[in-house]
Amino acid sequence: MIEINHVTKRYGKEKTAVADAVWNVPDGKITGFIGPNGAGKTTTLKMITGVLKPDSGAILINNIDIVKSPLKAKEQFGYVSDTPDNFLRLKGIEYLNFMADIYNVPSDKRNEFIDAYSKRFGIEQSLGDKILSYSHGMRQKIMIMGALIHSPSVWILDEPMTGLDPQASYELKQMMKEHAASGKSVLFSTHVLEVAEKLCDNVVIIRKGEIKFMGTLDELKLQYPKDMGLEMIFLELTGDGKDN
């Protein structure tokens, strides 16, 4: 579970990236974090994962404060950032073993994970190649595997479908459903409403750093005329959809 309690983040005196945010990611659910570009999604995720510190408020991961106990809190989650261009000089298998070493994953557990997930993503033949030689989609797959190799209870994914082929995208969605069904939590950001509508149990909508809605999409639709589609509702909530 993730709890965001009155969290604010400013850049200088002029720009408030996130303003007094209060929401949570419950266990057993897939929560979609939705908003136009520049709305504050990535800033929020970076605060949740400890990359950035909030100016005020608190963020708890399984009841552990990410600022006060960062190492213990970071053991609770796997984080896939919005760019897969990391550790490019390592081979895929070297990167996965590196991540497994960080989290003290036993050899049998890591080997079982690598075998199963590389087959699901169709990259088992490429693990001996350097990540630098991978396509964007393959880099995304190896970063997802690295984030999940220690079987964290909380998954945090920033635009995870970007660059994935249809089969890999399907597999990731199934993984997310399986993870939530086991009683654990998934938070992922997206601006693709169709994905959120089909996949999410709950959604959190943000615009210019302010939370505009929290709840299910059915609850959201009840607040608007029946003939109003999800896309129009989203545009109504976020203005013209352009926050940059």
C-alpha atoms as a PDB file:
ATOM      1  CA  MET A   1       0.000   0.000   0.000  1.00  0.00           C
ATOM      2  CA  ILE A   2       1.095   3.555  -0.749  1.00  0.00           C
ATOM      3  CA  GLU A   3      -0.165   6.530   1.235  1.00  0.00           C
ATOM      4  CA  ILE A   4       0.352  10.115   0.048  1.00  0.00           C
ATOM      5  CA  ASN A   5      -0.442  12.541   2.859  1.00  0.00           C
ATOM      6  CA  HIS A   6      -0.636  16.272   2.026  1.00  0.00           C
ATOM      7  CA  VAL A   7       2.417  16.174  -0.223  1.00  0.00           C
ATOM      8  CA  THR A   8       3.664  19.352  -1.926  1.00  0.00           C
ATOM      9  CA  LYS A   9       6.632  19.852  -4.245  1.00  0.00           C
ATOM     10  CA  ARG A  10       7.777  23.200  -5.641  1.00  0.00           C
ATOM     11  CA  TYR A  11      10.473  24.126  -8.150  1.00  0.00           C
ATOM     12  CA  GLY A  12      11.615  27.571  -7.148  1.00  0.00           C
ATOM     13  CA  LYS A  13       9.101  30.178  -6.014  1.00  0.00           C
ATOM     14  CA  GLU A  14       7.006  30.234  -9.154  1.00  0.00           C
ATOM     15  CA  LYS A  15       6.165  26.626 -10.010  1.00  0.00           C
ATOM     16  CA  THR A  16       4.245  24.221  -7.783  1.00  0.00           C
ATOM     17  CA  ALA A  17       4.593  20.791  -9.385  1.00  0.00           C
ATOM     18  CA  VAL A  18       2.413  18.990  -6.817  1.00  0.00           C
ATOM     19  CA  ALA A  19       0.018  20.772  -4.470  1.00  0.00           C
ATOM     20  CA  ASP A  20      -1.172  19.224  -1.179  1.00  0.00           C
ATOM     21  CA  ALA A  21      -1.800  15.790  -2.711  1.00  0.00           C
ATOM     22  CA  VAL A  22      -3.779  13.302  -0.609  1.00  0.00           C
ATOM     23  CA  TRP A  23      -4.491   9.844  -2.032  1.00  0.00           C
ATOM     24  CA  ASN A  24      -3.513   6.206  -1.706  1.00  0.00           C
ATOM     25  CA  VAL A  25      -2.823   3.015  -3.619  1.00  0.00           C
ATOM     26  CA  PRO A  26      -4.631   0.156  -1.847  1.00  0.00           C
ATOM     27  CA  ASP A  27      -3.516  -3.460  -1.765  1.00  0.00           C
ATOM     28  CA  GLY A  28      -5.194  -5.828  -4.189  1.00  0.00           C
ATOM     29  CA  LYS A  29      -5.852  -3.063  -6.724  1.00  0.00           C
ATOM     30  CA  ILE A  30      -4.383  -1.614  -9.910  1.00  0.00           C
ATOM     31  CA  THR A  31      -4.368   2.165  -9.603  1.00  0.00           C
ATOM     32  CA  GLY A  32      -3.909   4.284 -12.705  1.00  0.00           C
ATOM     33  CA  PHE A  33      -2.285   7.695 -12.337  1.00  0.00           C
ATOM     34  CA  ILE A  34      -3.582   9.795 -15.195  1.00  0.00           C
ATOM     35  CA  GLY A  35      -2.885  13.287 -16.445  1.00  0.00           C
ATOM     36  CA  PRO A  36      -1.634  15.255 -19.456  1.00  0.00           C
ATOM     37  CA  ASN A  37       2.059  15.906 -20.018  1.00  0.00           C
ATOM     38  CA  GLY A  38       3.453  18.223 -17.359  1.00  0.00           C
ATOM     39  CA  ALA A  39       0.631  17.536 -14.910  1.00  0.00           C
ATOM     40  CA  GLY A  40       2.924  16.328 -12.124  1.00  0.00           C
ATOM     41  CA  LYS A  41       2.794  12.562 -12.627  1.00  0.00           C
ATOM     42  CA  THR A  42       6.526  11.901 -12.919  1.00  0.00           C
ATOM     43  CA  THR A  43       7.367  14.344 -10.096  1.00  0.00           C
ATOM     44  CA  THR A  44       4.920  12.511  -7.844  1.00  0.00           C
ATOM     45  CA  LEU A  45       6.343   9.106  -8.751  1.00  0.00           C
ATOM     46  CA  LYS A  46       9.875  10.346  -8.107  1.00  0.00           C
ATOM     47  CA  MET A  47       8.810  11.495  -4.635  1.00  0.00           C
ATOM     48  CA  ILE A  48       7.096   8.172  -3.938  1.00  0.00           C
ATOM     49  CA  THR A  49      10.265   6.305  -4.902  1.00  0.00           C
ATOM     50  CA  GLY A  50      12.625   8.605  -3.025  1.00  0.00           C
ATOM     51  CA  VAL A  51      14.302  10.173  -6.052  1.00  0.00           C
ATOM     52  CA  LEU A  52      12.930  13.561  -4.963  1.00  0.00           C
ATOM     53  CA  LYS A  53      12.030  14.784  -1.484  1.00  0.00           C
ATOM     54  CA  PRO A  54       8.680  16.485  -0.918  1.00  0.00           C
ATOM     55  CA  ASP A  55       8.749  19.994   0.474  1.00  0.00           C
ATOM     56  CA  SER A  56       6.002  19.029   2.894  1.00  0.00           C
ATOM     57  CA  GLY A  57       3.816  16.042   3.718  1.00  0.00           C
ATOM     58  CA  ALA A  58       4.661  12.351   4.044  1.00  0.00           C
ATOM     59  CA  ILE A  59       4.719   9.303   1.790  1.00  0.00           C
ATOM     60  CA  LEU A  60       4.404   5.812   3.285  1.00  0.00           C
ATOM     61  CA  ILE A  61       5.195   2.546   1.490  1.00  0.00           C
ATOM     62  CA  ASN A  62       3.662  -0.322   3.470  1.00  0.00           C
ATOM     63  CA  ASN A  63       3.627   2.043   6.476  1.00  0.00           C
ATOM     64  CA  ILE A  64       7.321   2.957   6.041  1.00  0.00           C
ATOM     65  CA  ASP A  65       8.202   6.626   5.502  1.00  0.00           C
ATOM     66  CA  ILE A  66      10.244   6.989   2.303  1.00  0.00           C
ATOM     67  CA  VAL A  67      12.089  10.057   3.668  1.00  0.00           C
ATOM     68  CA  LYS A  68      12.751   8.823   7.198  1.00  0.00           C
ATOM     69  CA  SER A  69      13.609   5.205   6.303  1.00  0.00           C
ATOM     70  CA  PRO A  70      14.556   5.271   2.612  1.00  0.00           C
ATOM     71  CA  LEU A  71      16.409   1.954   2.365  1.00  0.00           C
ATOM     72  CA  LYS A  72      13.743  -0.010   4.201  1.00  0.00           C
ATOM     73  CA  ALA A  73      10.995   1.663   2.154  1.00  0.00           C
ATOM     74  CA  LYS A  74      12.793   0.969  -1.133  1.00  0.00           C
ATOM     75  CA  GLU A  75      12.893  -2.730  -0.311  1.00  0.00           C
ATOM     76  CA  GLN A  76       9.110  -2.709  -0.569  1.00  0.00           C
ATOM     77  CA  PHE A  77       8.742  -1.724  -4.222  1.00  0.00           C
ATOM     78  CA  GLY A  78       9.957  -2.186  -7.761  1.00  0.00           C
ATOM     79  CA  TYR A  79      10.151   0.960  -9.890  1.00  0.00           C
ATOM     80  CA  VAL A  80      10.177   1.206 -13.669  1.00  0.00           C
ATOM     81  CA  SER A  81      11.106   4.757 -14.714  1.00  0.00           C
ATOM     82  CA  ASP A  82       9.910   6.545 -17.832  1.00  0.00           C
ATOM     83  CA  THR A  83      13.181   5.876 -19.669  1.00  0.00           C
ATOM     84  CA  PRO A  84      14.813   2.458 -20.236  1.00  0.00           C
ATOM     85  CA  ASP A  85      18.195   3.828 -21.333  1.00  0.00           C
ATOM     86  CA  ASN A  86      20.197   2.698 -18.305  1.00  0.00           C
ATOM     87  CA  PHE A  87      23.137   0.328 -17.705  1.00  0.00           C
ATOM     88  CA  LEU A  88      23.679   0.141 -21.447  1.00  0.00           C
ATOM     89  CA  ARG A  89      27.180  -1.372 -21.232  1.00  0.00           C
ATOM     90  CA  LEU A  90      25.983  -4.373 -19.240  1.00  0.00           C
ATOM     91  CA  LYS A  91      24.677  -7.528 -20.828  1.00  0.00           C
ATOM     92  CA  GLY A  92      21.025  -8.248 -20.080  1.00  0.00           C
ATOM     93  CA  ILE A  93      21.877 -11.161 -17.794  1.00  0.00           C
ATOM     94  CA  GLU A  94      24.535  -9.082 -16.007  1.00  0.00           C
ATOM     95  CA  TYR A  95      22.001  -6.362 -15.285  1.00  0.00           C
ATOM     96  CA  LEU A  96      19.460  -8.837 -13.929  1.00  0.00           C
ATOM     97  CA  ASN A  97      22.040 -10.482 -11.676  1.00  0.00           C
ATOM     98  CA  PHE A  98      23.207  -7.034 -10.544  1.00  0.00           C
ATOM     99  CA  MET A  99      19.646  -6.141  -9.509  1.00  0.00           C
ATOM    100  CA  ALA A 100      19.202  -9.521  -7.845  1.00  0.00           C
ATOM    101  CA  ASP A 101      22.443  -9.004  -5.891  1.00  0.00           C
ATOM    102  CA  ILE A 102      21.247  -5.615  -4.624  1.00  0.00           C
ATOM    103  CA  TYR A 103      18.132  -7.219  -3.160  1.00  0.00           C
ATOM    104  CA  ASN A 104      19.878 -10.426  -2.000  1.00  0.00           C
ATOM    105  CA  VAL A 105      17.750 -12.679  -4.186  1.00  0.00           C
ATOM    106  CA  PRO A 106      18.931 -16.316  -3.830  1.00  0.00           C
ATOM    107  CA  SER A 107      20.337 -18.016  -6.937  1.00  0.00           C
ATOM    108  CA  ASP A 108      17.467 -20.464  -7.341  1.00  0.00           C
ATOM    109  CA  LYS A 109      14.845 -17.724  -7.044  1.00  0.00           C
ATOM    110  CA  ARG A 110      16.567 -15.370  -9.488  1.00  0.00           C
ATOM    111  CA  ASN A 111      17.176 -18.125 -12.035  1.00  0.00           C
ATOM    112  CA  GLU A 112      13.559 -19.204 -11.844  1.00  0.00           C
ATOM    113  CA  PHE A 113      12.410 -15.600 -12.321  1.00  0.00           C
ATOM    114  CA  ILE A 114      14.792 -14.880 -15.209  1.00  0.00           C
ATOM    115  CA  ASP A 115      13.786 -18.065 -17.013  1.00  0.00           C
ATOM    116  CA  ALA A 116      10.049 -17.453 -16.647  1.00  0.00           C
ATOM    117  CA  TYR A 117       9.955 -13.732 -17.376  1.00  0.00           C
ATOM    118  CA  SER A 118      12.447 -13.757 -20.249  1.00  0.00           C
ATOM    119  CA  LYS A 119      10.242 -16.335 -21.956  1.00  0.00           C
ATOM    120  CA  ARG A 120       7.107 -14.312 -21.299  1.00  0.00           C
ATOM    121  CA  PHE A 121       8.771 -11.272 -22.857  1.00  0.00           C
ATOM    122  CA  GLY A 122      10.449 -13.270 -25.627  1.00  0.00           C
ATOM    123  CA  ILE A 123      14.012 -12.115 -24.894  1.00  0.00           C
ATOM    124  CA  GLU A 124      15.600 -15.315 -23.589  1.00  0.00           C
ATOM    125  CA  GLN A 125      17.920 -15.463 -26.610  1.00  0.00           C
ATOM    126  CA  SER A 126      19.140 -11.885 -26.059  1.00  0.00           C
ATOM    127  CA  LEU A 127      20.192 -12.011 -22.402  1.00  0.00           C
ATOM    128  CA  GLY A 128      23.840 -12.508 -23.389  1.00  0.00           C
ATOM    129  CA  ASP A 129      23.857  -9.323 -25.504  1.00  0.00           C
ATOM    130  CA  LYS A 130      24.655  -5.831 -24.232  1.00  0.00           C
ATOM    131  CA  ILE A 131      21.660  -3.649 -23.437  1.00  0.00           C
ATOM    132  CA  LEU A 132      23.202  -1.038 -25.748  1.00  0.00           C
ATOM    133  CA  SER A 133      22.338  -3.320 -28.689  1.00  0.00           C
ATOM    134  CA  TYR A 134      18.691  -3.703 -27.606  1.00  0.00           C
ATOM    135  CA  SER A 135      15.782  -1.932 -29.259  1.00  0.00           C
ATOM    136  CA  HIS A 136      13.781   0.521 -27.144  1.00  0.00           C
ATOM    137  CA  GLY A 137      11.156  -2.129 -26.479  1.00  0.00           C
ATOM    138  CA  MET A 138      13.721  -4.732 -25.420  1.00  0.00           C
ATOM    139  CA  ARG A 139      15.330  -2.227 -23.065  1.00  0.00           C
ATOM    140  CA  GLN A 140      11.925  -1.599 -21.535  1.00  0.00           C
ATOM    141  CA  LYS A 141      11.425  -5.330 -21.007  1.00  0.00           C
ATOM    142  CA  ILE A 142      14.798  -5.829 -19.294  1.00  0.00           C
ATOM    143  CA  MET A 143      14.204  -2.811 -17.016  1.00  0.00           C
ATOM    144  CA  ILE A 144      10.797  -4.195 -16.030  1.00  0.00           C
ATOM    145  CA  MET A 145      12.396  -7.532 -15.203  1.00  0.00           C
ATOM    146  CA  GLY A 146      15.130  -5.831 -13.167  1.00  0.00           C
ATOM    147  CA  ALA A 147      12.551  -3.899 -11.148  1.00  0.00           C
ATOM    148  CA  LEU A 148      10.509  -6.997 -10.345  1.00  0.00           C
ATOM    149  CA  ILE A 149      13.220  -9.605  -9.795  1.00  0.00           C
ATOM    150  CA  HIS A 150      13.028  -9.313  -5.991  1.00  0.00           C
ATOM    151  CA  SER A 151       9.249  -9.923  -6.020  1.00  0.00           C
ATOM    152  CA  PRO A 152       8.319  -6.590  -4.406  1.00  0.00           C
ATOM    153  CA  SER A 153       4.854  -6.236  -2.937  1.00  0.00           C
ATOM    154  CA  VAL A 154       4.422  -2.772  -4.522  1.00  0.00           C
ATOM    155  CA  TRP A 155       4.883  -2.143  -8.256  1.00  0.00           C
ATOM    156  CA  ILE A 156       5.407   1.451  -9.427  1.00  0.00           C
ATOM    157  CA  LEU A 157       5.489   1.878 -13.199  1.00  0.00           C
ATOM    158  CA  ASP A 158       5.904   5.150 -15.110  1.00  0.00           C
ATOM    159  CA  GLU A 159       4.389   4.818 -18.622  1.00  0.00           C
ATOM    160  CA  PRO A 160       5.423   1.138 -18.739  1.00  0.00           C
ATOM    161  CA  MET A 161       3.724   0.298 -22.064  1.00  0.00           C
ATOM    162  CA  THR A 162       5.806   2.767 -24.070  1.00  0.00           C
ATOM    163  CA  GLY A 163       7.795   0.956 -26.746  1.00  0.00           C
ATOM    164  CA  LEU A 164       6.424  -2.499 -25.982  1.00  0.00           C
ATOM    165  CA  ASP A 165       5.148  -4.668 -28.816  1.00  0.00           C
ATOM    166  CA  PRO A 166       1.536  -5.912 -28.552  1.00  0.00           C
ATOM    167  CA  GLN A 167       2.521  -9.313 -27.110  1.00  0.00           C
ATOM    168  CA  ALA A 168       4.799  -7.812 -24.453  1.00  0.00           C
ATOM    169  CA  SER A 169       2.180  -5.196 -23.597  1.00  0.00           C
ATOM    170  CA  TYR A 170      -0.374  -7.971 -23.134  1.00  0.00           C
ATOM    171  CA  GLU A 171       2.009  -9.962 -20.932  1.00  0.00           C
ATOM    172  CA  LEU A 172       2.747  -6.937 -18.736  1.00  0.00           C
ATOM    173  CA  LYS A 173      -0.959  -6.271 -18.272  1.00  0.00           C
ATOM    174  CA  GLN A 174      -1.461  -9.897 -17.264  1.00  0.00           C
ATOM    175  CA  MET A 175       1.436  -9.630 -14.793  1.00  0.00           C
ATOM    176  CA  MET A 176      -0.122  -6.538 -13.264  1.00  0.00           C
ATOM    177  CA  LYS A 177      -3.475  -8.292 -12.903  1.00  0.00           C
ATOM    178  CA  GLU A 178      -1.828 -11.344 -11.339  1.00  0.00           C
ATOM    179  CA  HIS A 179       0.094  -9.161  -8.896  1.00  0.00           C
ATOM    180  CA  ALA A 180      -3.016  -7.286  -7.763  1.00  0.00           C
ATOM    181  CA  ALA A 181      -5.027 -10.514  -7.551  1.00  0.00           C
ATOM    182  CA  SER A 182      -2.442 -11.850  -5.078  1.00  0.00           C
ATOM    183  CA  GLY A 183      -3.350  -9.005  -2.708  1.00  0.00           C
ATOM    184  CA  LYS A 184      -0.488  -6.683  -3.614  1.00  0.00           C
ATOM    185  CA  SER A 185      -0.547  -3.190  -5.120  1.00  0.00           C
ATOM    186  CA  VAL A 186       0.180  -1.739  -8.552  1.00  0.00           C
ATOM    187  CA  LEU A 187       0.539   1.952  -9.400  1.00  0.00           C
ATOM    188  CA  PHE A 188       1.193   2.972 -12.973  1.00  0.00           C
ATOM    189  CA  SER A 189       1.055   6.272 -14.776  1.00  0.00           C
ATOM    190  CA  THR A 190      -0.422   6.595 -18.239  1.00  0.00           C
ATOM    191  CA  HIS A 191      -2.014   9.113 -20.554  1.00  0.00           C
ATOM    192  CA  VAL A 192      -3.693   6.375 -22.622  1.00  0.00           C
ATOM    193  CA  LEU A 193      -7.276   6.349 -21.411  1.00  0.00           C
ATOM    194  CA  GLU A 194      -8.157   3.093 -23.167  1.00  0.00           C
ATOM    195  CA  VAL A 195      -5.495   1.245 -21.171  1.00  0.00           C
ATOM    196  CA  ALA A 196      -6.692   2.768 -17.911  1.00  0.00           C
ATOM    197  CA  GLU A 197     -10.326   1.943 -18.657  1.00  0.00           C
ATOM    198  CA  LYS A 198      -9.614  -1.742 -19.344  1.00  0.00           C
ATOM    199  CA  LEU A 199      -6.987  -2.331 -16.676  1.00  0.00           C
ATOM    200  CA  CYS A 200      -7.526  -0.126 -13.619  1.00  0.00           C
ATOM    201  CA  ASP A 201      -9.582  -0.754 -10.514  1.00  0.00           C
ATOM    202  CA  ASN A 202      -9.064   2.863  -9.419  1.00  0.00           C
ATOM    203  CA  VAL A 203      -7.799   6.025 -11.077  1.00  0.00           C
ATOM    204  CA  VAL A 204      -6.229   9.214  -9.784  1.00  0.00           C
ATOM    205  CA  ILE A 205      -6.407  12.176 -12.166  1.00  0.00           C
ATOM    206  CA  ILE A 206      -3.990  15.078 -11.786  1.00  0.00           C
ATOM    207  CA  ARG A 207      -3.799  18.445 -13.532  1.00  0.00           C
ATOM    208  CA  LYS A 208      -1.181  21.123 -12.884  1.00  0.00           C
ATOM    209  CA  GLY A 209      -0.183  19.410  -9.648  1.00  0.00           C
ATOM    210  CA  GLU A 210      -3.714  19.196  -8.246  1.00  0.00           C
ATOM    211  CA  ILE A 211      -5.653  15.975  -7.762  1.00  0.00           C
ATOM    212  CA  LYS A 212      -8.917  16.343  -9.648  1.00  0.00           C
ATOM    213  CA  PHE A 213     -10.439  12.920  -9.054  1.00  0.00           C
ATOM    214  CA  MET A 214      -9.901   9.706  -7.076  1.00  0.00           C
ATOM    215  CA  GLY A 215     -12.042   6.611  -7.446  1.00  0.00           C
ATOM    216  CA  THR A 216     -13.302   4.147 -10.043  1.00  0.00           C
ATOM    217  CA  LEU A 217     -14.034   5.090 -13.632  1.00  0.00           C
ATOM    218  CA  ASP A 218     -17.667   4.129 -13.067  1.00  0.00           C
ATOM    219  CA  GLU A 219     -17.829   6.632 -10.215  1.00  0.00           C
ATOM    220  CA  LEU A 220     -16.255   9.240 -12.468  1.00  0.00           C
ATOM    221  CA  LYS A 221     -18.755   8.623 -15.267  1.00  0.00           C
ATOM    222  CA  LEU A 222     -21.679   9.024 -12.849  1.00  0.00           C
ATOM    223  CA  GLN A 223     -20.667  12.663 -12.338  1.00  0.00           C
ATOM    224  CA  TYR A 224     -21.230  13.488 -16.004  1.00  0.00           C
ATOM    225  CA  PRO A 225     -24.041  13.089 -18.586  1.00  0.00           C
ATOM    226  CA  LYS A 226     -24.554   9.520 -19.792  1.00  0.00           C
ATOM    227  CA  ASP A 227     -23.764  10.400 -23.390  1.00  0.00           C
ATOM    228  CA  MET A 228     -20.393  11.932 -22.428  1.00  0.00           C
ATOM    229  CA  GLY A 229     -17.482   9.648 -23.339  1.00  0.00           C
ATOM    230  CA  LEU A 230     -14.429   9.067 -21.187  1.00  0.00           C
ATOM    231  CA  GLU A 231     -12.240  11.186 -23.456  1.00  0.00           C
ATOM    232  CA  MET A 232     -14.559  14.182 -23.147  1.00  0.00           C
ATOM    233  CA  ILE A 233     -14.761  13.704 -19.378  1.00  0.00           C
ATOM    234  CA  PHE A 234     -10.979  13.670 -19.193  1.00  0.00           C
ATOM    235  CA  LEU A 235     -10.721  16.876 -21.233  1.00  0.00           C
ATOM    236  CA  GLU A 236     -13.353  18.480 -19.025  1.00  0.00           C
ATOM    237  CA  LEU A 237     -11.346  17.603 -15.916  1.00  0.00           C
ATOM    238  CA  THR A 238      -7.978  18.653 -17.281  1.00  0.00           C
ATOM    239  CA  GLY A 239      -8.954  21.762 -19.228  1.00  0.00           C
ATOM    240  CA  ASP A 240      -7.607  21.591 -22.781  1.00  0.00           C
ATOM    241  CA  GLY A 241      -5.232  18.770 -21.827  1.00  0.00           C
ATOM    242  CA  LYS A 242      -2.154  20.964 -22.261  1.00  0.00           C
ATOM    243  CA  ASP A 243      -0.245  21.738 -19.101  1.00  0.00           C
ATOM    244  CA  ASN A 244       3.158  22.586 -20.585  1.00  0.00           C
END
